[in-house]
Amino acid sequence: MLSDINEFVATVLFTVLGYQVTLLECVAVIASLIGVWLGTTGKQIMWPWWGLSSALYGWLFINYSLYASAAVQLVFIAAAIWGWFGWGPKGAKSKNLSWLQRILIIIVGAVTWLAITPLLISIGAAAARPDAFGLVFSVVAQILMVLEFRENWLVWLIVDAVYVGLYWSQDLKFTSLLYVLFTAIALRGWINWRKLQSESAGSQVA
């Protein structure tokens, strides 16, 4: 039964410049685009889309032996539940980290990345170093997003840029192009959340 489902989602929908786009990858890309774009608006409705796209991409990455990328999708699914209740109906309010918090996050993230990389290499993971980087700092960005810190978009911008090269090298070209868009959207998210922060400050003064 499971093999039949895998065979079905592996159906090639179309070919772009010689690259075959499967049903699973296509649906995952669409769901991700919707979720990430809604995230830039700070609206609560982004979280169901976030959870759906994460489940689809977890499935896809397992098939490509990108174990760290697959594992981080479980974090995203948990974050989608946390974010739905944490943000509430009014959505994100946006705030900033202190410089000390930023430095600590960079140090802890870098140490964790260096610690995880050998483990991924030992289990035969593909592109272990960039995949481990994506795993660690995607978790960082996700937590910052749930907690409504605007810096999440700067972390996403760096992570998404790394994923562009990673997925292209692993012949996931359609997903690689998606991450090009994600990189641009992350910049948009940074700008939009600054507006949310100003609106929130204005309402508190009023």
N, C-alpha and C. Protein backbone atom coordinates (compact mmCIF):
# COMPACT_ATOMS: atom_id res chain seq x y z
N MET A 1 0.84 -1.21 0.00
CA MET A 1 0.00 0.00 0.00
C MET A 1 0.87 1.26 0.00
N LEU A 2 1.87 1.29 0.92
CA LEU A 2 2.74 2.45 1.01
C LEU A 2 3.55 2.64 -0.27
N SER A 3 4.00 1.52 -0.84
CA SER A 3 4.77 1.60 -2.08
C SER A 3 3.92 2.14 -3.22
N ASP A 4 2.62 1.79 -3.20
CA ASP A 4 1.71 2.30 -4.23
C ASP A 4 1.53 3.81 -4.10
N ILE A 5 1.42 4.29 -2.86
CA ILE A 5 1.27 5.73 -2.62
C ILE A 5 2.53 6.46 -3.06
N ASN A 6 3.70 5.91 -2.69
CA ASN A 6 4.96 6.51 -3.09
C ASN A 6 5.10 6.57 -4.62
N GLU A 7 4.64 5.52 -5.26
CA GLU A 7 4.70 5.49 -6.72
C GLU A 7 3.79 6.54 -7.33
N PHE A 8 2.61 6.73 -6.70
CA PHE A 8 1.66 7.72 -7.21
C PHE A 8 2.20 9.14 -7.07
N VAL A 9 2.73 9.48 -5.89
CA VAL A 9 3.23 10.85 -5.67
C VAL A 9 4.51 11.12 -6.45
N ALA A 10 5.15 10.04 -6.92
CA ALA A 10 6.36 10.20 -7.74
C ALA A 10 6.03 10.40 -9.22
N THR A 11 4.74 10.46 -9.53
CA THR A 11 4.31 10.69 -10.91
C THR A 11 4.84 12.03 -11.40
N VAL A 12 5.44 12.02 -12.57
CA VAL A 12 5.99 13.25 -13.14
C VAL A 12 4.87 14.06 -13.78
N LEU A 13 4.69 15.30 -13.29
CA LEU A 13 3.64 16.18 -13.81
C LEU A 13 4.09 16.93 -15.05
N PHE A 14 5.33 17.44 -14.99
CA PHE A 14 5.86 18.18 -16.14
C PHE A 14 7.38 18.22 -16.04
N THR A 15 8.02 18.64 -17.11
CA THR A 15 9.47 18.72 -17.19
C THR A 15 9.88 20.14 -17.53
N VAL A 16 10.84 20.68 -16.75
CA VAL A 16 11.34 22.03 -16.98
C VAL A 16 12.84 21.95 -17.22
N LEU A 17 13.29 22.33 -18.42
CA LEU A 17 14.71 22.31 -18.77
C LEU A 17 15.34 20.95 -18.45
N GLY A 18 14.60 19.89 -18.74
CA GLY A 18 15.11 18.55 -18.54
C GLY A 18 14.89 18.00 -17.14
N TYR A 19 14.39 18.84 -16.22
CA TYR A 19 14.15 18.40 -14.84
C TYR A 19 12.70 17.97 -14.67
N GLN A 20 12.50 16.77 -14.16
CA GLN A 20 11.16 16.22 -13.99
C GLN A 20 10.59 16.61 -12.62
N VAL A 21 9.46 17.28 -12.64
CA VAL A 21 8.79 17.72 -11.41
C VAL A 21 7.71 16.71 -11.05
N THR A 22 7.84 16.09 -9.88
CA THR A 22 6.86 15.09 -9.46
C THR A 22 5.66 15.75 -8.79
N LEU A 23 4.61 14.97 -8.64
CA LEU A 23 3.40 15.44 -7.97
C LEU A 23 3.71 15.88 -6.55
N LEU A 24 4.49 15.08 -5.82
CA LEU A 24 4.81 15.40 -4.44
C LEU A 24 5.58 16.71 -4.33
N GLU A 25 6.59 16.89 -5.15
CA GLU A 25 7.39 18.11 -5.08
C GLU A 25 6.57 19.33 -5.48
N CYS A 26 5.73 19.17 -6.48
CA CYS A 26 4.92 20.29 -6.95
C CYS A 26 3.94 20.78 -5.87
N VAL A 27 3.24 19.83 -5.24
CA VAL A 27 2.28 20.20 -4.20
C VAL A 27 3.00 20.79 -2.99
N ALA A 28 4.17 20.22 -2.65
CA ALA A 28 4.95 20.75 -1.53
C ALA A 28 5.40 22.18 -1.79
N VAL A 29 5.80 22.46 -3.02
CA VAL A 29 6.24 23.81 -3.39
C VAL A 29 5.09 24.81 -3.26
N ILE A 30 3.93 24.44 -3.78
CA ILE A 30 2.77 25.34 -3.74
C ILE A 30 2.36 25.64 -2.29
N ALA A 31 2.28 24.58 -1.47
CA ALA A 31 1.90 24.76 -0.07
C ALA A 31 2.92 25.61 0.68
N SER A 32 4.21 25.42 0.37
CA SER A 32 5.27 26.20 1.02
C SER A 32 5.19 27.67 0.66
N LEU A 33 4.98 27.94 -0.62
CA LEU A 33 4.88 29.33 -1.06
C LEU A 33 3.74 30.06 -0.36
N ILE A 34 2.60 29.40 -0.27
CA ILE A 34 1.44 30.01 0.39
C ILE A 34 1.76 30.27 1.87
N GLY A 35 2.34 29.25 2.54
CA GLY A 35 2.64 29.38 3.96
C GLY A 35 3.66 30.47 4.25
N VAL A 36 4.74 30.51 3.48
CA VAL A 36 5.79 31.51 3.72
C VAL A 36 5.29 32.92 3.42
N TRP A 37 4.53 33.07 2.34
CA TRP A 37 4.02 34.40 2.01
C TRP A 37 3.06 34.90 3.09
N LEU A 38 2.19 34.02 3.57
CA LEU A 38 1.29 34.42 4.65
C LEU A 38 2.07 34.76 5.91
N GLY A 39 3.24 34.10 6.10
CA GLY A 39 4.07 34.40 7.25
C GLY A 39 4.57 35.82 7.24
N THR A 40 4.82 36.39 6.07
CA THR A 40 5.30 37.77 6.01
C THR A 40 4.24 38.76 6.46
N THR A 41 2.98 38.36 6.42
CA THR A 41 1.89 39.24 6.85
C THR A 41 1.64 39.14 8.35
N GLY A 42 2.24 38.10 9.00
CA GLY A 42 2.03 37.92 10.43
C GLY A 42 0.66 37.39 10.78
N LYS A 43 -0.04 36.80 9.81
CA LYS A 43 -1.40 36.30 10.06
C LYS A 43 -1.39 34.86 10.57
N GLN A 44 -2.29 34.56 11.47
CA GLN A 44 -2.36 33.24 12.10
C GLN A 44 -2.62 32.13 11.08
N ILE A 45 -3.31 32.43 9.99
CA ILE A 45 -3.70 31.41 9.02
C ILE A 45 -2.49 30.78 8.33
N MET A 46 -1.31 31.37 8.49
CA MET A 46 -0.11 30.79 7.87
C MET A 46 0.22 29.42 8.44
N TRP A 47 -0.10 29.18 9.71
CA TRP A 47 0.39 27.98 10.39
C TRP A 47 -0.16 26.67 9.83
N PRO A 48 -1.44 26.53 9.46
CA PRO A 48 -1.87 25.28 8.83
C PRO A 48 -1.14 24.98 7.53
N TRP A 49 -0.90 26.01 6.73
CA TRP A 49 -0.15 25.84 5.49
C TRP A 49 1.29 25.45 5.78
N TRP A 50 1.85 26.02 6.83
CA TRP A 50 3.22 25.71 7.25
C TRP A 50 3.33 24.23 7.63
N GLY A 51 2.36 23.77 8.41
CA GLY A 51 2.36 22.37 8.83
C GLY A 51 2.21 21.41 7.66
N LEU A 52 1.30 21.74 6.74
CA LEU A 52 1.07 20.88 5.57
C LEU A 52 2.32 20.80 4.70
N SER A 53 2.91 21.93 4.39
CA SER A 53 4.10 21.94 3.53
C SER A 53 5.26 21.21 4.20
N SER A 54 5.37 21.31 5.51
CA SER A 54 6.44 20.63 6.24
C SER A 54 6.28 19.11 6.16
N ALA A 55 5.05 18.64 6.28
CA ALA A 55 4.80 17.19 6.18
C ALA A 55 5.15 16.69 4.79
N LEU A 56 4.77 17.43 3.78
CA LEU A 56 5.06 17.03 2.40
C LEU A 56 6.56 17.03 2.11
N TYR A 57 7.25 18.06 2.60
CA TYR A 57 8.69 18.13 2.36
C TYR A 57 9.46 17.09 3.18
N GLY A 58 8.97 16.75 4.36
CA GLY A 58 9.59 15.68 5.13
C GLY A 58 9.59 14.39 4.34
N TRP A 59 8.47 14.10 3.72
CA TRP A 59 8.31 12.91 2.88
C TRP A 59 9.29 12.95 1.70
N LEU A 60 9.35 14.11 1.05
CA LEU A 60 10.21 14.26 -0.12
C LEU A 60 11.69 14.10 0.24
N PHE A 61 12.12 14.75 1.33
CA PHE A 61 13.54 14.74 1.69
C PHE A 61 14.02 13.35 2.12
N ILE A 62 13.15 12.57 2.75
CA ILE A 62 13.51 11.21 3.12
C ILE A 62 13.86 10.41 1.87
N ASN A 63 13.10 10.63 0.81
CA ASN A 63 13.35 9.92 -0.45
C ASN A 63 14.68 10.29 -1.08
N TYR A 64 15.25 11.46 -0.68
CA TYR A 64 16.53 11.91 -1.23
C TYR A 64 17.67 11.79 -0.21
N SER A 65 17.43 11.09 0.88
CA SER A 65 18.44 10.88 1.94
C SER A 65 18.94 12.18 2.56
N LEU A 66 18.12 13.22 2.52
CA LEU A 66 18.45 14.49 3.18
C LEU A 66 17.83 14.44 4.57
N TYR A 67 18.49 13.68 5.45
CA TYR A 67 17.89 13.35 6.73
C TYR A 67 17.72 14.56 7.66
N ALA A 68 18.68 15.46 7.64
CA ALA A 68 18.55 16.66 8.48
C ALA A 68 17.41 17.53 7.99
N SER A 69 17.29 17.68 6.67
CA SER A 69 16.19 18.46 6.11
C SER A 69 14.85 17.81 6.44
N ALA A 70 14.83 16.48 6.44
CA ALA A 70 13.59 15.77 6.78
C ALA A 70 13.26 15.93 8.27
N ALA A 71 14.30 15.83 9.11
CA ALA A 71 14.08 15.92 10.55
C ALA A 71 13.56 17.29 10.96
N VAL A 72 14.06 18.34 10.32
CA VAL A 72 13.64 19.68 10.71
C VAL A 72 12.16 19.92 10.39
N GLN A 73 11.62 19.15 9.47
CA GLN A 73 10.19 19.30 9.16
C GLN A 73 9.32 18.92 10.35
N LEU A 74 9.80 17.99 11.19
CA LEU A 74 9.06 17.63 12.40
C LEU A 74 9.02 18.81 13.36
N VAL A 75 10.11 19.55 13.42
CA VAL A 75 10.16 20.76 14.25
C VAL A 75 9.16 21.78 13.70
N PHE A 76 9.11 21.91 12.37
CA PHE A 76 8.20 22.86 11.75
C PHE A 76 6.74 22.51 12.03
N ILE A 77 6.43 21.22 11.99
CA ILE A 77 5.05 20.78 12.27
C ILE A 77 4.66 21.12 13.71
N ALA A 78 5.60 20.83 14.65
CA ALA A 78 5.35 21.17 16.05
C ALA A 78 5.20 22.69 16.22
N ALA A 79 6.04 23.44 15.49
CA ALA A 79 5.99 24.90 15.56
C ALA A 79 4.68 25.44 15.00
N ALA A 80 4.13 24.75 14.00
CA ALA A 80 2.86 25.19 13.41
C ALA A 80 1.74 25.13 14.44
N ILE A 81 1.79 24.08 15.28
CA ILE A 81 0.78 23.95 16.34
C ILE A 81 1.02 25.01 17.41
N TRP A 82 2.28 25.15 17.80
CA TRP A 82 2.68 26.15 18.82
C TRP A 82 2.35 27.56 18.33
N GLY A 83 2.69 27.85 17.09
CA GLY A 83 2.45 29.17 16.54
C GLY A 83 0.99 29.52 16.43
N TRP A 84 0.16 28.52 16.06
CA TRP A 84 -1.28 28.76 15.91
C TRP A 84 -1.88 29.27 17.22
N PHE A 85 -1.51 28.63 18.32
CA PHE A 85 -2.05 29.04 19.62
C PHE A 85 -1.28 30.22 20.20
N GLY A 86 0.02 30.30 19.90
CA GLY A 86 0.84 31.38 20.46
C GLY A 86 0.53 32.74 19.88
N TRP A 87 0.30 32.79 18.57
CA TRP A 87 0.01 34.08 17.94
C TRP A 87 -1.41 34.54 18.24
N GLY A 88 -2.35 33.60 18.25
CA GLY A 88 -3.74 33.96 18.47
C GLY A 88 -4.36 34.58 17.23
N PRO A 89 -5.64 34.87 17.26
CA PRO A 89 -6.36 35.40 16.09
C PRO A 89 -5.80 36.71 15.54
N LYS A 90 -5.17 37.51 16.39
CA LYS A 90 -4.66 38.81 15.93
C LYS A 90 -3.32 38.70 15.21
N GLY A 91 -2.69 37.52 15.26
CA GLY A 91 -1.43 37.32 14.55
C GLY A 91 -0.22 37.84 15.31
N ALA A 92 0.93 37.91 14.61
CA ALA A 92 2.20 38.32 15.23
C ALA A 92 2.22 39.82 15.52
N LYS A 93 2.94 40.19 16.59
CA LYS A 93 3.08 41.61 16.95
C LYS A 93 4.46 42.15 16.60
N SER A 94 5.47 41.31 16.54
CA SER A 94 6.84 41.66 16.14
C SER A 94 7.60 42.45 17.20
N LYS A 95 8.79 41.96 17.52
CA LYS A 95 9.68 42.63 18.47
C LYS A 95 11.12 42.27 18.09
N ASN A 96 12.10 42.92 18.72
CA ASN A 96 13.51 42.70 18.39
C ASN A 96 14.27 42.02 19.52
N LEU A 97 15.29 41.23 19.13
CA LEU A 97 16.23 40.65 20.08
C LEU A 97 17.23 41.73 20.53
N SER A 98 17.81 41.53 21.70
CA SER A 98 18.91 42.40 22.13
C SER A 98 20.18 41.92 21.42
N TRP A 99 21.22 42.76 21.42
CA TRP A 99 22.49 42.36 20.80
C TRP A 99 23.10 41.16 21.50
N LEU A 100 22.97 41.07 22.81
CA LEU A 100 23.49 39.92 23.57
C LEU A 100 22.78 38.64 23.14
N GLN A 101 21.47 38.71 22.99
CA GLN A 101 20.71 37.54 22.54
C GLN A 101 21.15 37.10 21.14
N ARG A 102 21.39 38.06 20.27
CA ARG A 102 21.82 37.74 18.91
C ARG A 102 23.17 37.02 18.92
N ILE A 103 24.11 37.53 19.71
CA ILE A 103 25.45 36.92 19.78
C ILE A 103 25.37 35.51 20.35
N LEU A 104 24.58 35.32 21.41
CA LEU A 104 24.44 33.99 22.02
C LEU A 104 23.82 33.00 21.03
N ILE A 105 22.84 33.44 20.26
CA ILE A 105 22.19 32.57 19.28
C ILE A 105 23.19 32.13 18.21
N ILE A 106 24.02 33.06 17.75
CA ILE A 106 25.03 32.73 16.73
C ILE A 106 26.04 31.71 17.27
N ILE A 107 26.52 31.93 18.50
CA ILE A 107 27.51 31.03 19.09
C ILE A 107 26.94 29.64 19.32
N VAL A 108 25.78 29.57 19.96
CA VAL A 108 25.16 28.27 20.24
C VAL A 108 24.80 27.54 18.94
N GLY A 109 24.31 28.30 17.96
CA GLY A 109 23.96 27.70 16.67
C GLY A 109 25.18 27.12 15.96
N ALA A 110 26.29 27.87 15.97
CA ALA A 110 27.51 27.41 15.31
C ALA A 110 28.07 26.16 15.97
N VAL A 111 28.09 26.13 17.29
CA VAL A 111 28.60 24.97 18.03
C VAL A 111 27.73 23.74 17.74
N THR A 112 26.42 23.93 17.75
CA THR A 112 25.50 22.82 17.48
C THR A 112 25.68 22.30 16.07
N TRP A 113 25.86 23.20 15.12
CA TRP A 113 26.07 22.81 13.72
C TRP A 113 27.33 21.93 13.60
N LEU A 114 28.42 22.36 14.21
CA LEU A 114 29.67 21.61 14.15
C LEU A 114 29.55 20.25 14.84
N ALA A 115 28.69 20.18 15.86
CA ALA A 115 28.53 18.92 16.59
C ALA A 115 27.67 17.92 15.81
N ILE A 116 26.67 18.43 15.10
CA ILE A 116 25.74 17.55 14.38
C ILE A 116 26.32 17.02 13.08
N THR A 117 27.17 17.80 12.43
CA THR A 117 27.70 17.42 11.12
C THR A 117 28.35 16.04 11.09
N PRO A 118 29.26 15.71 12.04
CA PRO A 118 29.87 14.37 12.02
C PRO A 118 28.85 13.24 12.16
N LEU A 119 27.80 13.48 12.93
CA LEU A 119 26.76 12.47 13.10
C LEU A 119 26.06 12.18 11.77
N LEU A 120 25.74 13.23 11.03
CA LEU A 120 25.09 13.05 9.74
C LEU A 120 26.01 12.34 8.75
N ILE A 121 27.29 12.69 8.80
CA ILE A 121 28.26 12.03 7.91
C ILE A 121 28.32 10.54 8.22
N SER A 122 28.27 10.20 9.51
CA SER A 122 28.38 8.79 9.93
C SER A 122 27.20 7.94 9.48
N ILE A 123 26.02 8.55 9.30
CA ILE A 123 24.86 7.77 8.87
C ILE A 123 24.64 7.86 7.37
N GLY A 124 25.60 8.46 6.66
CA GLY A 124 25.53 8.48 5.20
C GLY A 124 24.60 9.52 4.63
N ALA A 125 24.36 10.59 5.37
CA ALA A 125 23.48 11.65 4.87
C ALA A 125 24.13 12.37 3.69
N ALA A 126 23.31 12.79 2.76
CA ALA A 126 23.81 13.54 1.61
C ALA A 126 24.10 14.98 2.02
N ALA A 127 25.22 15.54 1.51
CA ALA A 127 25.58 16.95 1.75
C ALA A 127 25.42 17.31 3.23
N ALA A 128 26.12 16.58 4.09
CA ALA A 128 25.92 16.69 5.53
C ALA A 128 26.15 18.08 6.09
N ARG A 129 27.21 18.77 5.65
CA ARG A 129 27.53 20.08 6.25
C ARG A 129 26.46 21.13 5.99
N PRO A 130 26.10 21.39 4.71
CA PRO A 130 25.04 22.39 4.50
C PRO A 130 23.69 21.94 5.03
N ASP A 131 23.44 20.62 5.01
CA ASP A 131 22.16 20.12 5.52
C ASP A 131 22.08 20.32 7.03
N ALA A 132 23.21 20.09 7.74
CA ALA A 132 23.23 20.31 9.18
C ALA A 132 23.07 21.79 9.50
N PHE A 133 23.71 22.65 8.71
CA PHE A 133 23.56 24.10 8.90
C PHE A 133 22.09 24.48 8.76
N GLY A 134 21.45 23.97 7.72
CA GLY A 134 20.03 24.27 7.51
C GLY A 134 19.18 23.78 8.65
N LEU A 135 19.48 22.58 9.16
CA LEU A 135 18.73 22.02 10.27
C LEU A 135 18.80 22.93 11.49
N VAL A 136 20.02 23.28 11.90
CA VAL A 136 20.21 24.05 13.13
C VAL A 136 19.59 25.44 13.03
N PHE A 137 19.91 26.13 11.96
CA PHE A 137 19.46 27.52 11.90
C PHE A 137 18.01 27.65 11.42
N SER A 138 17.46 26.61 10.80
CA SER A 138 16.02 26.60 10.53
C SER A 138 15.25 26.51 11.84
N VAL A 139 15.76 25.68 12.75
CA VAL A 139 15.12 25.56 14.07
C VAL A 139 15.20 26.91 14.80
N VAL A 140 16.37 27.55 14.72
CA VAL A 140 16.52 28.87 15.34
C VAL A 140 15.51 29.85 14.77
N ALA A 141 15.46 29.91 13.43
CA ALA A 141 14.53 30.84 12.77
C ALA A 141 13.08 30.54 13.13
N GLN A 142 12.77 29.24 13.19
CA GLN A 142 11.40 28.85 13.49
C GLN A 142 10.98 29.27 14.89
N ILE A 143 11.86 29.05 15.86
CA ILE A 143 11.56 29.45 17.24
C ILE A 143 11.41 30.96 17.34
N LEU A 144 12.30 31.69 16.68
CA LEU A 144 12.21 33.16 16.69
C LEU A 144 10.90 33.63 16.07
N MET A 145 10.45 32.93 15.02
CA MET A 145 9.20 33.30 14.37
C MET A 145 8.01 33.08 15.30
N VAL A 146 7.98 31.92 15.95
CA VAL A 146 6.88 31.61 16.86
C VAL A 146 6.83 32.62 18.01
N LEU A 147 8.03 33.01 18.49
CA LEU A 147 8.12 33.97 19.60
C LEU A 147 7.97 35.42 19.14
N GLU A 148 7.78 35.60 17.81
CA GLU A 148 7.47 36.90 17.22
C GLU A 148 8.65 37.87 17.19
N PHE A 149 9.87 37.32 17.13
CA PHE A 149 11.05 38.17 16.98
C PHE A 149 11.32 38.41 15.50
N ARG A 150 11.48 39.65 15.12
CA ARG A 150 11.64 40.02 13.71
C ARG A 150 12.91 39.45 13.09
N GLU A 151 13.92 39.17 13.90
CA GLU A 151 15.18 38.63 13.38
C GLU A 151 15.02 37.27 12.73
N ASN A 152 13.86 36.63 12.94
CA ASN A 152 13.65 35.33 12.30
C ASN A 152 13.83 35.44 10.78
N TRP A 153 13.46 36.59 10.22
CA TRP A 153 13.54 36.76 8.77
C TRP A 153 14.98 36.89 8.28
N LEU A 154 15.86 37.45 9.09
CA LEU A 154 17.27 37.52 8.71
C LEU A 154 17.90 36.12 8.72
N VAL A 155 17.53 35.32 9.72
CA VAL A 155 18.04 33.95 9.78
C VAL A 155 17.49 33.15 8.61
N TRP A 156 16.19 33.32 8.31
CA TRP A 156 15.60 32.61 7.17
C TRP A 156 16.31 32.99 5.87
N LEU A 157 16.65 34.25 5.73
CA LEU A 157 17.30 34.70 4.50
C LEU A 157 18.62 33.95 4.28
N ILE A 158 19.41 33.81 5.33
CA ILE A 158 20.69 33.10 5.22
C ILE A 158 20.46 31.61 4.97
N VAL A 159 19.56 31.02 5.74
CA VAL A 159 19.27 29.59 5.59
C VAL A 159 18.74 29.27 4.19
N ASP A 160 17.82 30.10 3.71
CA ASP A 160 17.24 29.86 2.38
C ASP A 160 18.29 29.95 1.29
N ALA A 161 19.24 30.89 1.44
CA ALA A 161 20.31 31.02 0.45
C ALA A 161 21.18 29.76 0.43
N VAL A 162 21.45 29.20 1.60
CA VAL A 162 22.23 27.95 1.69
C VAL A 162 21.46 26.81 1.04
N TYR A 163 20.15 26.76 1.29
CA TYR A 163 19.33 25.68 0.72
C TYR A 163 19.24 25.76 -0.81
N VAL A 164 19.35 26.94 -1.37
CA VAL A 164 19.34 27.06 -2.83
C VAL A 164 20.44 26.20 -3.42
N GLY A 165 21.66 26.36 -2.89
CA GLY A 165 22.78 25.58 -3.40
C GLY A 165 22.68 24.11 -3.05
N LEU A 166 22.21 23.80 -1.84
CA LEU A 166 22.10 22.42 -1.40
C LEU A 166 21.15 21.61 -2.28
N TYR A 167 19.96 22.13 -2.47
CA TYR A 167 18.96 21.36 -3.22
C TYR A 167 19.28 21.30 -4.71
N TRP A 168 19.94 22.33 -5.21
CA TRP A 168 20.37 22.28 -6.62
C TRP A 168 21.41 21.17 -6.80
N SER A 169 22.33 21.06 -5.85
CA SER A 169 23.38 20.04 -5.93
C SER A 169 22.82 18.63 -5.79
N GLN A 170 21.66 18.50 -5.14
CA GLN A 170 21.04 17.19 -4.95
C GLN A 170 19.96 16.89 -6.00
N ASP A 171 19.97 17.70 -7.06
CA ASP A 171 19.07 17.52 -8.20
C ASP A 171 17.59 17.73 -7.83
N LEU A 172 17.35 18.57 -6.83
CA LEU A 172 15.99 19.01 -6.51
C LEU A 172 15.86 20.44 -7.03
N LYS A 173 15.94 20.57 -8.33
CA LYS A 173 16.05 21.89 -8.95
C LYS A 173 14.79 22.74 -8.77
N PHE A 174 13.63 22.12 -8.83
CA PHE A 174 12.38 22.86 -8.66
C PHE A 174 12.31 23.43 -7.24
N THR A 175 12.72 22.63 -6.27
CA THR A 175 12.75 23.09 -4.88
C THR A 175 13.83 24.14 -4.69
N SER A 176 14.96 24.00 -5.38
CA SER A 176 16.02 25.00 -5.30
C SER A 176 15.52 26.36 -5.78
N LEU A 177 14.78 26.37 -6.86
CA LEU A 177 14.22 27.62 -7.37
C LEU A 177 13.20 28.20 -6.39
N LEU A 178 12.47 27.31 -5.72
CA LEU A 178 11.54 27.77 -4.69
C LEU A 178 12.28 28.53 -3.60
N TYR A 179 13.46 28.04 -3.22
CA TYR A 179 14.22 28.68 -2.16
C TYR A 179 14.84 30.01 -2.61
N VAL A 180 15.00 30.18 -3.91
CA VAL A 180 15.38 31.50 -4.42
C VAL A 180 14.27 32.49 -4.08
N LEU A 181 13.03 32.07 -4.31
CA LEU A 181 11.88 32.91 -3.97
C LEU A 181 11.79 33.13 -2.46
N PHE A 182 12.05 32.06 -1.70
CA PHE A 182 12.01 32.18 -0.24
C PHE A 182 13.01 33.22 0.26
N THR A 183 14.18 33.27 -0.37
CA THR A 183 15.20 34.24 0.03
C THR A 183 14.68 35.66 -0.15
N ALA A 184 14.01 35.90 -1.29
CA ALA A 184 13.43 37.22 -1.55
C ALA A 184 12.27 37.50 -0.59
N ILE A 185 11.47 36.47 -0.32
CA ILE A 185 10.32 36.64 0.58
C ILE A 185 10.80 36.94 2.00
N ALA A 186 11.92 36.35 2.40
CA ALA A 186 12.46 36.61 3.74
C ALA A 186 12.79 38.09 3.92
N LEU A 187 13.34 38.69 2.86
CA LEU A 187 13.62 40.14 2.91
C LEU A 187 12.32 40.92 3.04
N ARG A 188 11.30 40.48 2.31
CA ARG A 188 9.99 41.12 2.40
C ARG A 188 9.40 40.97 3.80
N GLY A 189 9.61 39.78 4.40
CA GLY A 189 9.12 39.54 5.75
C GLY A 189 9.75 40.48 6.76
N TRP A 190 11.07 40.73 6.62
CA TRP A 190 11.78 41.66 7.50
C TRP A 190 11.16 43.05 7.43
N ILE A 191 10.84 43.49 6.21
CA ILE A 191 10.25 44.82 6.02
C ILE A 191 8.83 44.87 6.58
N ASN A 192 8.04 43.85 6.27
CA ASN A 192 6.65 43.82 6.73
C ASN A 192 6.55 43.77 8.25
N TRP A 193 7.43 42.99 8.87
CA TRP A 193 7.36 42.87 10.33
C TRP A 193 7.82 44.15 11.03
N ARG A 194 8.63 44.95 10.34
CA ARG A 194 8.99 46.25 10.91
C ARG A 194 7.74 47.13 10.98
N LYS A 195 6.89 47.01 9.96
CA LYS A 195 5.62 47.76 9.97
C LYS A 195 4.72 47.26 11.09
N LEU A 196 4.68 45.92 11.27
CA LEU A 196 3.87 45.37 12.36
C LEU A 196 4.34 45.89 13.71
N GLN A 197 5.66 45.99 13.86
CA GLN A 197 6.25 46.48 15.11
C GLN A 197 5.87 47.93 15.36
N SER A 198 5.89 48.73 14.30
CA SER A 198 5.52 50.14 14.43
C SER A 198 4.06 50.29 14.79
N GLU A 199 3.21 49.46 14.15
CA GLU A 199 1.77 49.50 14.44
C GLU A 199 1.49 49.09 15.87
N SER A 200 2.21 48.06 16.34
CA SER A 200 2.02 47.59 17.71
C SER A 200 2.45 48.67 18.71
N ALA A 201 3.58 49.33 18.44
CA ALA A 201 4.06 50.40 19.32
C ALA A 201 3.09 51.57 19.34
N GLY A 202 2.53 51.88 18.17
CA GLY A 202 1.58 52.98 18.06
C GLY A 202 0.32 52.70 18.84
N SER A 203 -0.16 51.45 18.80
CA SER A 203 -1.39 51.10 19.51
C SER A 203 -1.18 51.13 21.02
N GLN A 204 0.06 50.80 21.47
CA GLN A 204 0.34 50.83 22.90
C GLN A 204 0.39 52.27 23.42
N VAL A 205 0.93 53.17 22.60
CA VAL A 205 0.97 54.59 22.97
C VAL A 205 -0.43 55.17 23.04
N ALA A 206 -1.25 54.76 22.03
CA ALA A 206 -2.62 55.25 22.02
C ALA A 206 -3.41 54.74 23.21
